[in-house]
C-alpha cells in the first residue's frame, strides 16, 4: 500500500469502523 494511491480498508471493514476522511 505504500506504493498505491488507494487505501486498504479491510481493517475498517472487519472492525466495523468508518474509514478516515481523505481527499478523493
PDBML (XML) file of the C-alpha atoms, coordinates in Angstrom:
<?xml version="1.0" encoding="UTF-8" ?>
<PDBx:datablock datablockName="MODEL"
   xmlns:PDBx="http://pdbml.pdb.org/schema/pdbx-v50.xsd"
   xmlns:xsi="http://www.w3.org/2001/XMLSchema-instance"
   xsi:schemaLocation="http://pdbml.pdb.org/schema/pdbx-v50.xsd pdbx-v50.xsd">
   <PDBx:atom_siteCategory>
      <PDBx:atom_site id="1">
         <PDBx:B_iso_or_equiv>0.00</PDBx:B_iso_or_equiv>
         <PDBx:Cartn_x>0.000</PDBx:Cartn_x>
         <PDBx:Cartn_y>0.000</PDBx:Cartn_y>
         <PDBx:Cartn_z>0.000</PDBx:Cartn_z>
         <PDBx:auth_asym_id>A</PDBx:auth_asym_id>
         <PDBx:auth_atom_id>CA</PDBx:auth_atom_id>
         <PDBx:auth_comp_id>UNK</PDBx:auth_comp_id>
         <PDBx:auth_seq_id>1</PDBx:auth_seq_id>
         <PDBx:group_PDB>ATOM</PDBx:group_PDB>
         <PDBx:label_alt_id xsi:nil="true" />
         <PDBx:label_asym_id>A</PDBx:label_asym_id>
         <PDBx:label_atom_id>CA</PDBx:label_atom_id>
         <PDBx:label_comp_id>UNK</PDBx:label_comp_id>
         <PDBx:label_entity_id>1</PDBx:label_entity_id>
         <PDBx:label_seq_id>1</PDBx:label_seq_id>
         <PDBx:occupancy>1.00</PDBx:occupancy>
         <PDBx:pdbx_PDB_model_num>1</PDBx:pdbx_PDB_model_num>
         <PDBx:type_symbol>C</PDBx:type_symbol>
      </PDBx:atom_site>
      <PDBx:atom_site id="2">
         <PDBx:B_iso_or_equiv>0.00</PDBx:B_iso_or_equiv>
         <PDBx:Cartn_x>2.985</PDBx:Cartn_x>
         <PDBx:Cartn_y>2.337</PDBx:Cartn_y>
         <PDBx:Cartn_z>0.376</PDBx:Cartn_z>
         <PDBx:auth_asym_id>A</PDBx:auth_asym_id>
         <PDBx:auth_atom_id>CA</PDBx:auth_atom_id>
         <PDBx:auth_comp_id>UNK</PDBx:auth_comp_id>
         <PDBx:auth_seq_id>2</PDBx:auth_seq_id>
         <PDBx:group_PDB>ATOM</PDBx:group_PDB>
         <PDBx:label_alt_id xsi:nil="true" />
         <PDBx:label_asym_id>A</PDBx:label_asym_id>
         <PDBx:label_atom_id>CA</PDBx:label_atom_id>
         <PDBx:label_comp_id>UNK</PDBx:label_comp_id>
         <PDBx:label_entity_id>1</PDBx:label_entity_id>
         <PDBx:label_seq_id>2</PDBx:label_seq_id>
         <PDBx:occupancy>1.00</PDBx:occupancy>
         <PDBx:pdbx_PDB_model_num>1</PDBx:pdbx_PDB_model_num>
         <PDBx:type_symbol>C</PDBx:type_symbol>
      </PDBx:atom_site>
      <PDBx:atom_site id="3">
         <PDBx:B_iso_or_equiv>0.00</PDBx:B_iso_or_equiv>
         <PDBx:Cartn_x>3.218</PDBx:Cartn_x>
         <PDBx:Cartn_y>2.418</PDBx:Cartn_y>
         <PDBx:Cartn_z>-3.417</PDBx:Cartn_z>
         <PDBx:auth_asym_id>A</PDBx:auth_asym_id>
         <PDBx:auth_atom_id>CA</PDBx:auth_atom_id>
         <PDBx:auth_comp_id>UNK</PDBx:auth_comp_id>
         <PDBx:auth_seq_id>3</PDBx:auth_seq_id>
         <PDBx:group_PDB>ATOM</PDBx:group_PDB>
         <PDBx:label_alt_id xsi:nil="true" />
         <PDBx:label_asym_id>A</PDBx:label_asym_id>
         <PDBx:label_atom_id>CA</PDBx:label_atom_id>
         <PDBx:label_comp_id>UNK</PDBx:label_comp_id>
         <PDBx:label_entity_id>1</PDBx:label_entity_id>
         <PDBx:label_seq_id>3</PDBx:label_seq_id>
         <PDBx:occupancy>1.00</PDBx:occupancy>
         <PDBx:pdbx_PDB_model_num>1</PDBx:pdbx_PDB_model_num>
         <PDBx:type_symbol>C</PDBx:type_symbol>
      </PDBx:atom_site>
      <PDBx:atom_site id="4">
         <PDBx:B_iso_or_equiv>0.00</PDBx:B_iso_or_equiv>
         <PDBx:Cartn_x>-0.512</PDBx:Cartn_x>
         <PDBx:Cartn_y>2.883</PDBx:Cartn_y>
         <PDBx:Cartn_z>-4.002</PDBx:Cartn_z>
         <PDBx:auth_asym_id>A</PDBx:auth_asym_id>
         <PDBx:auth_atom_id>CA</PDBx:auth_atom_id>
         <PDBx:auth_comp_id>UNK</PDBx:auth_comp_id>
         <PDBx:auth_seq_id>4</PDBx:auth_seq_id>
         <PDBx:group_PDB>ATOM</PDBx:group_PDB>
         <PDBx:label_alt_id xsi:nil="true" />
         <PDBx:label_asym_id>A</PDBx:label_asym_id>
         <PDBx:label_atom_id>CA</PDBx:label_atom_id>
         <PDBx:label_comp_id>UNK</PDBx:label_comp_id>
         <PDBx:label_entity_id>1</PDBx:label_entity_id>
         <PDBx:label_seq_id>4</PDBx:label_seq_id>
         <PDBx:occupancy>1.00</PDBx:occupancy>
         <PDBx:pdbx_PDB_model_num>1</PDBx:pdbx_PDB_model_num>
         <PDBx:type_symbol>C</PDBx:type_symbol>
      </PDBx:atom_site>
      <PDBx:atom_site id="5">
         <PDBx:B_iso_or_equiv>0.00</PDBx:B_iso_or_equiv>
         <PDBx:Cartn_x>-2.922</PDBx:Cartn_x>
         <PDBx:Cartn_y>5.793</PDBx:Cartn_y>
         <PDBx:Cartn_z>-4.142</PDBx:Cartn_z>
         <PDBx:auth_asym_id>A</PDBx:auth_asym_id>
         <PDBx:auth_atom_id>CA</PDBx:auth_atom_id>
         <PDBx:auth_comp_id>UNK</PDBx:auth_comp_id>
         <PDBx:auth_seq_id>5</PDBx:auth_seq_id>
         <PDBx:group_PDB>ATOM</PDBx:group_PDB>
         <PDBx:label_alt_id xsi:nil="true" />
         <PDBx:label_asym_id>A</PDBx:label_asym_id>
         <PDBx:label_atom_id>CA</PDBx:label_atom_id>
         <PDBx:label_comp_id>UNK</PDBx:label_comp_id>
         <PDBx:label_entity_id>1</PDBx:label_entity_id>
         <PDBx:label_seq_id>5</PDBx:label_seq_id>
         <PDBx:occupancy>1.00</PDBx:occupancy>
         <PDBx:pdbx_PDB_model_num>1</PDBx:pdbx_PDB_model_num>
         <PDBx:type_symbol>C</PDBx:type_symbol>
      </PDBx:atom_site>
      <PDBx:atom_site id="6">
         <PDBx:B_iso_or_equiv>0.00</PDBx:B_iso_or_equiv>
         <PDBx:Cartn_x>-5.758</PDBx:Cartn_x>
         <PDBx:Cartn_y>3.640</PDBx:Cartn_y>
         <PDBx:Cartn_z>-2.820</PDBx:Cartn_z>
         <PDBx:auth_asym_id>A</PDBx:auth_asym_id>
         <PDBx:auth_atom_id>CA</PDBx:auth_atom_id>
         <PDBx:auth_comp_id>UNK</PDBx:auth_comp_id>
         <PDBx:auth_seq_id>6</PDBx:auth_seq_id>
         <PDBx:group_PDB>ATOM</PDBx:group_PDB>
         <PDBx:label_alt_id xsi:nil="true" />
         <PDBx:label_asym_id>A</PDBx:label_asym_id>
         <PDBx:label_atom_id>CA</PDBx:label_atom_id>
         <PDBx:label_comp_id>UNK</PDBx:label_comp_id>
         <PDBx:label_entity_id>1</PDBx:label_entity_id>
         <PDBx:label_seq_id>6</PDBx:label_seq_id>
         <PDBx:occupancy>1.00</PDBx:occupancy>
         <PDBx:pdbx_PDB_model_num>1</PDBx:pdbx_PDB_model_num>
         <PDBx:type_symbol>C</PDBx:type_symbol>
      </PDBx:atom_site>
      <PDBx:atom_site id="7">
         <PDBx:B_iso_or_equiv>0.00</PDBx:B_iso_or_equiv>
         <PDBx:Cartn_x>-6.106</PDBx:Cartn_x>
         <PDBx:Cartn_y>2.613</PDBx:Cartn_y>
         <PDBx:Cartn_z>0.823</PDBx:Cartn_z>
         <PDBx:auth_asym_id>A</PDBx:auth_asym_id>
         <PDBx:auth_atom_id>CA</PDBx:auth_atom_id>
         <PDBx:auth_comp_id>UNK</PDBx:auth_comp_id>
         <PDBx:auth_seq_id>7</PDBx:auth_seq_id>
         <PDBx:group_PDB>ATOM</PDBx:group_PDB>
         <PDBx:label_alt_id xsi:nil="true" />
         <PDBx:label_asym_id>A</PDBx:label_asym_id>
         <PDBx:label_atom_id>CA</PDBx:label_atom_id>
         <PDBx:label_comp_id>UNK</PDBx:label_comp_id>
         <PDBx:label_entity_id>1</PDBx:label_entity_id>
         <PDBx:label_seq_id>7</PDBx:label_seq_id>
         <PDBx:occupancy>1.00</PDBx:occupancy>
         <PDBx:pdbx_PDB_model_num>1</PDBx:pdbx_PDB_model_num>
         <PDBx:type_symbol>C</PDBx:type_symbol>
      </PDBx:atom_site>
      <PDBx:atom_site id="8">
         <PDBx:B_iso_or_equiv>0.00</PDBx:B_iso_or_equiv>
         <PDBx:Cartn_x>-6.543</PDBx:Cartn_x>
         <PDBx:Cartn_y>-0.823</PDBx:Cartn_y>
         <PDBx:Cartn_z>2.351</PDBx:Cartn_z>
         <PDBx:auth_asym_id>A</PDBx:auth_asym_id>
         <PDBx:auth_atom_id>CA</PDBx:auth_atom_id>
         <PDBx:auth_comp_id>UNK</PDBx:auth_comp_id>
         <PDBx:auth_seq_id>8</PDBx:auth_seq_id>
         <PDBx:group_PDB>ATOM</PDBx:group_PDB>
         <PDBx:label_alt_id xsi:nil="true" />
         <PDBx:label_asym_id>A</PDBx:label_asym_id>
         <PDBx:label_atom_id>CA</PDBx:label_atom_id>
         <PDBx:label_comp_id>UNK</PDBx:label_comp_id>
         <PDBx:label_entity_id>1</PDBx:label_entity_id>
         <PDBx:label_seq_id>8</PDBx:label_seq_id>
         <PDBx:occupancy>1.00</PDBx:occupancy>
         <PDBx:pdbx_PDB_model_num>1</PDBx:pdbx_PDB_model_num>
         <PDBx:type_symbol>C</PDBx:type_symbol>
      </PDBx:atom_site>
      <PDBx:atom_site id="9">
         <PDBx:B_iso_or_equiv>0.00</PDBx:B_iso_or_equiv>
         <PDBx:Cartn_x>-9.892</PDBx:Cartn_x>
         <PDBx:Cartn_y>-0.503</PDBx:Cartn_y>
         <PDBx:Cartn_z>4.137</PDBx:Cartn_z>
         <PDBx:auth_asym_id>A</PDBx:auth_asym_id>
         <PDBx:auth_atom_id>CA</PDBx:auth_atom_id>
         <PDBx:auth_comp_id>UNK</PDBx:auth_comp_id>
         <PDBx:auth_seq_id>9</PDBx:auth_seq_id>
         <PDBx:group_PDB>ATOM</PDBx:group_PDB>
         <PDBx:label_alt_id xsi:nil="true" />
         <PDBx:label_asym_id>A</PDBx:label_asym_id>
         <PDBx:label_atom_id>CA</PDBx:label_atom_id>
         <PDBx:label_comp_id>UNK</PDBx:label_comp_id>
         <PDBx:label_entity_id>1</PDBx:label_entity_id>
         <PDBx:label_seq_id>9</PDBx:label_seq_id>
         <PDBx:occupancy>1.00</PDBx:occupancy>
         <PDBx:pdbx_PDB_model_num>1</PDBx:pdbx_PDB_model_num>
         <PDBx:type_symbol>C</PDBx:type_symbol>
      </PDBx:atom_site>
      <PDBx:atom_site id="10">
         <PDBx:B_iso_or_equiv>0.00</PDBx:B_iso_or_equiv>
         <PDBx:Cartn_x>-10.037</PDBx:Cartn_x>
         <PDBx:Cartn_y>-4.122</PDBx:Cartn_y>
         <PDBx:Cartn_z>5.315</PDBx:Cartn_z>
         <PDBx:auth_asym_id>A</PDBx:auth_asym_id>
         <PDBx:auth_atom_id>CA</PDBx:auth_atom_id>
         <PDBx:auth_comp_id>UNK</PDBx:auth_comp_id>
         <PDBx:auth_seq_id>10</PDBx:auth_seq_id>
         <PDBx:group_PDB>ATOM</PDBx:group_PDB>
         <PDBx:label_alt_id xsi:nil="true" />
         <PDBx:label_asym_id>A</PDBx:label_asym_id>
         <PDBx:label_atom_id>CA</PDBx:label_atom_id>
         <PDBx:label_comp_id>UNK</PDBx:label_comp_id>
         <PDBx:label_entity_id>1</PDBx:label_entity_id>
         <PDBx:label_seq_id>10</PDBx:label_seq_id>
         <PDBx:occupancy>1.00</PDBx:occupancy>
         <PDBx:pdbx_PDB_model_num>1</PDBx:pdbx_PDB_model_num>
         <PDBx:type_symbol>C</PDBx:type_symbol>
      </PDBx:atom_site>
      <PDBx:atom_site id="11">
         <PDBx:B_iso_or_equiv>0.00</PDBx:B_iso_or_equiv>
         <PDBx:Cartn_x>-9.329</PDBx:Cartn_x>
         <PDBx:Cartn_y>-3.309</PDBx:Cartn_y>
         <PDBx:Cartn_z>8.967</PDBx:Cartn_z>
         <PDBx:auth_asym_id>A</PDBx:auth_asym_id>
         <PDBx:auth_atom_id>CA</PDBx:auth_atom_id>
         <PDBx:auth_comp_id>UNK</PDBx:auth_comp_id>
         <PDBx:auth_seq_id>11</PDBx:auth_seq_id>
         <PDBx:group_PDB>ATOM</PDBx:group_PDB>
         <PDBx:label_alt_id xsi:nil="true" />
         <PDBx:label_asym_id>A</PDBx:label_asym_id>
         <PDBx:label_atom_id>CA</PDBx:label_atom_id>
         <PDBx:label_comp_id>UNK</PDBx:label_comp_id>
         <PDBx:label_entity_id>1</PDBx:label_entity_id>
         <PDBx:label_seq_id>11</PDBx:label_seq_id>
         <PDBx:occupancy>1.00</PDBx:occupancy>
         <PDBx:pdbx_PDB_model_num>1</PDBx:pdbx_PDB_model_num>
         <PDBx:type_symbol>C</PDBx:type_symbol>
      </PDBx:atom_site>
      <PDBx:atom_site id="12">
         <PDBx:B_iso_or_equiv>0.00</PDBx:B_iso_or_equiv>
         <PDBx:Cartn_x>-12.080</PDBx:Cartn_x>
         <PDBx:Cartn_y>-0.710</PDBx:Cartn_y>
         <PDBx:Cartn_z>8.966</PDBx:Cartn_z>
         <PDBx:auth_asym_id>A</PDBx:auth_asym_id>
         <PDBx:auth_atom_id>CA</PDBx:auth_atom_id>
         <PDBx:auth_comp_id>UNK</PDBx:auth_comp_id>
         <PDBx:auth_seq_id>12</PDBx:auth_seq_id>
         <PDBx:group_PDB>ATOM</PDBx:group_PDB>
         <PDBx:label_alt_id xsi:nil="true" />
         <PDBx:label_asym_id>A</PDBx:label_asym_id>
         <PDBx:label_atom_id>CA</PDBx:label_atom_id>
         <PDBx:label_comp_id>UNK</PDBx:label_comp_id>
         <PDBx:label_entity_id>1</PDBx:label_entity_id>
         <PDBx:label_seq_id>12</PDBx:label_seq_id>
         <PDBx:occupancy>1.00</PDBx:occupancy>
         <PDBx:pdbx_PDB_model_num>1</PDBx:pdbx_PDB_model_num>
         <PDBx:type_symbol>C</PDBx:type_symbol>
      </PDBx:atom_site>
      <PDBx:atom_site id="13">
         <PDBx:B_iso_or_equiv>0.00</PDBx:B_iso_or_equiv>
         <PDBx:Cartn_x>-14.490</PDBx:Cartn_x>
         <PDBx:Cartn_y>-3.209</PDBx:Cartn_y>
         <PDBx:Cartn_z>7.457</PDBx:Cartn_z>
         <PDBx:auth_asym_id>A</PDBx:auth_asym_id>
         <PDBx:auth_atom_id>CA</PDBx:auth_atom_id>
         <PDBx:auth_comp_id>UNK</PDBx:auth_comp_id>
         <PDBx:auth_seq_id>13</PDBx:auth_seq_id>
         <PDBx:group_PDB>ATOM</PDBx:group_PDB>
         <PDBx:label_alt_id xsi:nil="true" />
         <PDBx:label_asym_id>A</PDBx:label_asym_id>
         <PDBx:label_atom_id>CA</PDBx:label_atom_id>
         <PDBx:label_comp_id>UNK</PDBx:label_comp_id>
         <PDBx:label_entity_id>1</PDBx:label_entity_id>
         <PDBx:label_seq_id>13</PDBx:label_seq_id>
         <PDBx:occupancy>1.00</PDBx:occupancy>
         <PDBx:pdbx_PDB_model_num>1</PDBx:pdbx_PDB_model_num>
         <PDBx:type_symbol>C</PDBx:type_symbol>
      </PDBx:atom_site>
      <PDBx:atom_site id="14">
         <PDBx:B_iso_or_equiv>0.00</PDBx:B_iso_or_equiv>
         <PDBx:Cartn_x>-13.574</PDBx:Cartn_x>
         <PDBx:Cartn_y>-6.010</PDBx:Cartn_y>
         <PDBx:Cartn_z>9.849</PDBx:Cartn_z>
         <PDBx:auth_asym_id>A</PDBx:auth_asym_id>
         <PDBx:auth_atom_id>CA</PDBx:auth_atom_id>
         <PDBx:auth_comp_id>UNK</PDBx:auth_comp_id>
         <PDBx:auth_seq_id>14</PDBx:auth_seq_id>
         <PDBx:group_PDB>ATOM</PDBx:group_PDB>
         <PDBx:label_alt_id xsi:nil="true" />
         <PDBx:label_asym_id>A</PDBx:label_asym_id>
         <PDBx:label_atom_id>CA</PDBx:label_atom_id>
         <PDBx:label_comp_id>UNK</PDBx:label_comp_id>
         <PDBx:label_entity_id>1</PDBx:label_entity_id>
         <PDBx:label_seq_id>14</PDBx:label_seq_id>
         <PDBx:occupancy>1.00</PDBx:occupancy>
         <PDBx:pdbx_PDB_model_num>1</PDBx:pdbx_PDB_model_num>
         <PDBx:type_symbol>C</PDBx:type_symbol>
      </PDBx:atom_site>
      <PDBx:atom_site id="15">
         <PDBx:B_iso_or_equiv>0.00</PDBx:B_iso_or_equiv>
         <PDBx:Cartn_x>-13.633</PDBx:Cartn_x>
         <PDBx:Cartn_y>-3.607</PDBx:Cartn_y>
         <PDBx:Cartn_z>12.797</PDBx:Cartn_z>
         <PDBx:auth_asym_id>A</PDBx:auth_asym_id>
         <PDBx:auth_atom_id>CA</PDBx:auth_atom_id>
         <PDBx:auth_comp_id>UNK</PDBx:auth_comp_id>
         <PDBx:auth_seq_id>15</PDBx:auth_seq_id>
         <PDBx:group_PDB>ATOM</PDBx:group_PDB>
         <PDBx:label_alt_id xsi:nil="true" />
         <PDBx:label_asym_id>A</PDBx:label_asym_id>
         <PDBx:label_atom_id>CA</PDBx:label_atom_id>
         <PDBx:label_comp_id>UNK</PDBx:label_comp_id>
         <PDBx:label_entity_id>1</PDBx:label_entity_id>
         <PDBx:label_seq_id>15</PDBx:label_seq_id>
         <PDBx:occupancy>1.00</PDBx:occupancy>
         <PDBx:pdbx_PDB_model_num>1</PDBx:pdbx_PDB_model_num>
         <PDBx:type_symbol>C</PDBx:type_symbol>
      </PDBx:atom_site>
      <PDBx:atom_site id="16">
         <PDBx:B_iso_or_equiv>0.00</PDBx:B_iso_or_equiv>
         <PDBx:Cartn_x>-16.953</PDBx:Cartn_x>
         <PDBx:Cartn_y>-2.083</PDBx:Cartn_y>
         <PDBx:Cartn_z>11.686</PDBx:Cartn_z>
         <PDBx:auth_asym_id>A</PDBx:auth_asym_id>
         <PDBx:auth_atom_id>CA</PDBx:auth_atom_id>
         <PDBx:auth_comp_id>UNK</PDBx:auth_comp_id>
         <PDBx:auth_seq_id>16</PDBx:auth_seq_id>
         <PDBx:group_PDB>ATOM</PDBx:group_PDB>
         <PDBx:label_alt_id xsi:nil="true" />
         <PDBx:label_asym_id>A</PDBx:label_asym_id>
         <PDBx:label_atom_id>CA</PDBx:label_atom_id>
         <PDBx:label_comp_id>UNK</PDBx:label_comp_id>
         <PDBx:label_entity_id>1</PDBx:label_entity_id>
         <PDBx:label_seq_id>16</PDBx:label_seq_id>
         <PDBx:occupancy>1.00</PDBx:occupancy>
         <PDBx:pdbx_PDB_model_num>1</PDBx:pdbx_PDB_model_num>
         <PDBx:type_symbol>C</PDBx:type_symbol>
      </PDBx:atom_site>
      <PDBx:atom_site id="17">
         <PDBx:B_iso_or_equiv>0.00</PDBx:B_iso_or_equiv>
         <PDBx:Cartn_x>-15.432</PDBx:Cartn_x>
         <PDBx:Cartn_y>1.406</PDBx:Cartn_y>
         <PDBx:Cartn_z>11.564</PDBx:Cartn_z>
         <PDBx:auth_asym_id>A</PDBx:auth_asym_id>
         <PDBx:auth_atom_id>CA</PDBx:auth_atom_id>
         <PDBx:auth_comp_id>UNK</PDBx:auth_comp_id>
         <PDBx:auth_seq_id>17</PDBx:auth_seq_id>
         <PDBx:group_PDB>ATOM</PDBx:group_PDB>
         <PDBx:label_alt_id xsi:nil="true" />
         <PDBx:label_asym_id>A</PDBx:label_asym_id>
         <PDBx:label_atom_id>CA</PDBx:label_atom_id>
         <PDBx:label_comp_id>UNK</PDBx:label_comp_id>
         <PDBx:label_entity_id>1</PDBx:label_entity_id>
         <PDBx:label_seq_id>17</PDBx:label_seq_id>
         <PDBx:occupancy>1.00</PDBx:occupancy>
         <PDBx:pdbx_PDB_model_num>1</PDBx:pdbx_PDB_model_num>
         <PDBx:type_symbol>C</PDBx:type_symbol>
      </PDBx:atom_site>
      <PDBx:atom_site id="18">
         <PDBx:B_iso_or_equiv>0.00</PDBx:B_iso_or_equiv>
         <PDBx:Cartn_x>-15.864</PDBx:Cartn_x>
         <PDBx:Cartn_y>4.245</PDBx:Cartn_y>
         <PDBx:Cartn_z>9.115</PDBx:Cartn_z>
         <PDBx:auth_asym_id>A</PDBx:auth_asym_id>
         <PDBx:auth_atom_id>CA</PDBx:auth_atom_id>
         <PDBx:auth_comp_id>UNK</PDBx:auth_comp_id>
         <PDBx:auth_seq_id>18</PDBx:auth_seq_id>
         <PDBx:group_PDB>ATOM</PDBx:group_PDB>
         <PDBx:label_alt_id xsi:nil="true" />
         <PDBx:label_asym_id>A</PDBx:label_asym_id>
         <PDBx:label_atom_id>CA</PDBx:label_atom_id>
         <PDBx:label_comp_id>UNK</PDBx:label_comp_id>
         <PDBx:label_entity_id>1</PDBx:label_entity_id>
         <PDBx:label_seq_id>18</PDBx:label_seq_id>
         <PDBx:occupancy>1.00</PDBx:occupancy>
         <PDBx:pdbx_PDB_model_num>1</PDBx:pdbx_PDB_model_num>
         <PDBx:type_symbol>C</PDBx:type_symbol>
      </PDBx:atom_site>
      <PDBx:atom_site id="19">
         <PDBx:B_iso_or_equiv>0.00</PDBx:B_iso_or_equiv>
         <PDBx:Cartn_x>-12.725</PDBx:Cartn_x>
         <PDBx:Cartn_y>4.967</PDBx:Cartn_y>
         <PDBx:Cartn_z>7.058</PDBx:Cartn_z>
         <PDBx:auth_asym_id>A</PDBx:auth_asym_id>
         <PDBx:auth_atom_id>CA</PDBx:auth_atom_id>
         <PDBx:auth_comp_id>UNK</PDBx:auth_comp_id>
         <PDBx:auth_seq_id>19</PDBx:auth_seq_id>
         <PDBx:group_PDB>ATOM</PDBx:group_PDB>
         <PDBx:label_alt_id xsi:nil="true" />
         <PDBx:label_asym_id>A</PDBx:label_asym_id>
         <PDBx:label_atom_id>CA</PDBx:label_atom_id>
         <PDBx:label_comp_id>UNK</PDBx:label_comp_id>
         <PDBx:label_entity_id>1</PDBx:label_entity_id>
         <PDBx:label_seq_id>19</PDBx:label_seq_id>
         <PDBx:occupancy>1.00</PDBx:occupancy>
         <PDBx:pdbx_PDB_model_num>1</PDBx:pdbx_PDB_model_num>
         <PDBx:type_symbol>C</PDBx:type_symbol>
      </PDBx:atom_site>
      <PDBx:atom_site id="20">
         <PDBx:B_iso_or_equiv>0.00</PDBx:B_iso_or_equiv>
         <PDBx:Cartn_x>-10.842</PDBx:Cartn_x>
         <PDBx:Cartn_y>8.141</PDBx:Cartn_y>
         <PDBx:Cartn_z>7.933</PDBx:Cartn_z>
         <PDBx:auth_asym_id>A</PDBx:auth_asym_id>
         <PDBx:auth_atom_id>CA</PDBx:auth_atom_id>
         <PDBx:auth_comp_id>UNK</PDBx:auth_comp_id>
         <PDBx:auth_seq_id>20</PDBx:auth_seq_id>
         <PDBx:group_PDB>ATOM</PDBx:group_PDB>
         <PDBx:label_alt_id xsi:nil="true" />
         <PDBx:label_asym_id>A</PDBx:label_asym_id>
         <PDBx:label_atom_id>CA</PDBx:label_atom_id>
         <PDBx:label_comp_id>UNK</PDBx:label_comp_id>
         <PDBx:label_entity_id>1</PDBx:label_entity_id>
         <PDBx:label_seq_id>20</PDBx:label_seq_id>
         <PDBx:occupancy>1.00</PDBx:occupancy>
         <PDBx:pdbx_PDB_model_num>1</PDBx:pdbx_PDB_model_num>
         <PDBx:type_symbol>C</PDBx:type_symbol>
      </PDBx:atom_site>
      <PDBx:atom_site id="21">
         <PDBx:B_iso_or_equiv>0.00</PDBx:B_iso_or_equiv>
         <PDBx:Cartn_x>-11.728</PDBx:Cartn_x>
         <PDBx:Cartn_y>11.143</PDBx:Cartn_y>
         <PDBx:Cartn_z>5.744</PDBx:Cartn_z>
         <PDBx:auth_asym_id>A</PDBx:auth_asym_id>
         <PDBx:auth_atom_id>CA</PDBx:auth_atom_id>
         <PDBx:auth_comp_id>UNK</PDBx:auth_comp_id>
         <PDBx:auth_seq_id>21</PDBx:auth_seq_id>
         <PDBx:group_PDB>ATOM</PDBx:group_PDB>
         <PDBx:label_alt_id xsi:nil="true" />
         <PDBx:label_asym_id>A</PDBx:label_asym_id>
         <PDBx:label_atom_id>CA</PDBx:label_atom_id>
         <PDBx:label_comp_id>UNK</PDBx:label_comp_id>
         <PDBx:label_entity_id>1</PDBx:label_entity_id>
         <PDBx:label_seq_id>21</PDBx:label_seq_id>
         <PDBx:occupancy>1.00</PDBx:occupancy>
         <PDBx:pdbx_PDB_model_num>1</PDBx:pdbx_PDB_model_num>
         <PDBx:type_symbol>C</PDBx:type_symbol>
      </PDBx:atom_site>
      <PDBx:atom_site id="22">
         <PDBx:B_iso_or_equiv>0.00</PDBx:B_iso_or_equiv>
         <PDBx:Cartn_x>-9.355</PDBx:Cartn_x>
         <PDBx:Cartn_y>11.931</PDBx:Cartn_y>
         <PDBx:Cartn_z>2.906</PDBx:Cartn_z>
         <PDBx:auth_asym_id>A</PDBx:auth_asym_id>
         <PDBx:auth_atom_id>CA</PDBx:auth_atom_id>
         <PDBx:auth_comp_id>UNK</PDBx:auth_comp_id>
         <PDBx:auth_seq_id>22</PDBx:auth_seq_id>
         <PDBx:group_PDB>ATOM</PDBx:group_PDB>
         <PDBx:label_alt_id xsi:nil="true" />
         <PDBx:label_asym_id>A</PDBx:label_asym_id>
         <PDBx:label_atom_id>CA</PDBx:label_atom_id>
         <PDBx:label_comp_id>UNK</PDBx:label_comp_id>
         <PDBx:label_entity_id>1</PDBx:label_entity_id>
         <PDBx:label_seq_id>22</PDBx:label_seq_id>
         <PDBx:occupancy>1.00</PDBx:occupancy>
         <PDBx:pdbx_PDB_model_num>1</PDBx:pdbx_PDB_model_num>
         <PDBx:type_symbol>C</PDBx:type_symbol>
      </PDBx:atom_site>
      <PDBx:atom_site id="23">
         <PDBx:B_iso_or_equiv>0.00</PDBx:B_iso_or_equiv>
         <PDBx:Cartn_x>-9.233</PDBx:Cartn_x>
         <PDBx:Cartn_y>13.858</PDBx:Cartn_y>
         <PDBx:Cartn_z>-0.356</PDBx:Cartn_z>
         <PDBx:auth_asym_id>A</PDBx:auth_asym_id>
         <PDBx:auth_atom_id>CA</PDBx:auth_atom_id>
         <PDBx:auth_comp_id>UNK</PDBx:auth_comp_id>
         <PDBx:auth_seq_id>23</PDBx:auth_seq_id>
         <PDBx:group_PDB>ATOM</PDBx:group_PDB>
         <PDBx:label_alt_id xsi:nil="true" />
         <PDBx:label_asym_id>A</PDBx:label_asym_id>
         <PDBx:label_atom_id>CA</PDBx:label_atom_id>
         <PDBx:label_comp_id>UNK</PDBx:label_comp_id>
         <PDBx:label_entity_id>1</PDBx:label_entity_id>
         <PDBx:label_seq_id>23</PDBx:label_seq_id>
         <PDBx:occupancy>1.00</PDBx:occupancy>
         <PDBx:pdbx_PDB_model_num>1</PDBx:pdbx_PDB_model_num>
         <PDBx:type_symbol>C</PDBx:type_symbol>
      </PDBx:atom_site>
      <PDBx:atom_site id="24">
         <PDBx:B_iso_or_equiv>0.00</PDBx:B_iso_or_equiv>
         <PDBx:Cartn_x>-10.817</PDBx:Cartn_x>
         <PDBx:Cartn_y>11.987</PDBx:Cartn_y>
         <PDBx:Cartn_z>-3.272</PDBx:Cartn_z>
         <PDBx:auth_asym_id>A</PDBx:auth_asym_id>
         <PDBx:auth_atom_id>CA</PDBx:auth_atom_id>
         <PDBx:auth_comp_id>UNK</PDBx:auth_comp_id>
         <PDBx:auth_seq_id>24</PDBx:auth_seq_id>
         <PDBx:group_PDB>ATOM</PDBx:group_PDB>
         <PDBx:label_alt_id xsi:nil="true" />
         <PDBx:label_asym_id>A</PDBx:label_asym_id>
         <PDBx:label_atom_id>CA</PDBx:label_atom_id>
         <PDBx:label_comp_id>UNK</PDBx:label_comp_id>
         <PDBx:label_entity_id>1</PDBx:label_entity_id>
         <PDBx:label_seq_id>24</PDBx:label_seq_id>
         <PDBx:occupancy>1.00</PDBx:occupancy>
         <PDBx:pdbx_PDB_model_num>1</PDBx:pdbx_PDB_model_num>
         <PDBx:type_symbol>C</PDBx:type_symbol>
      </PDBx:atom_site>
   </PDBx:atom_siteCategory>
</PDBx:datablock>
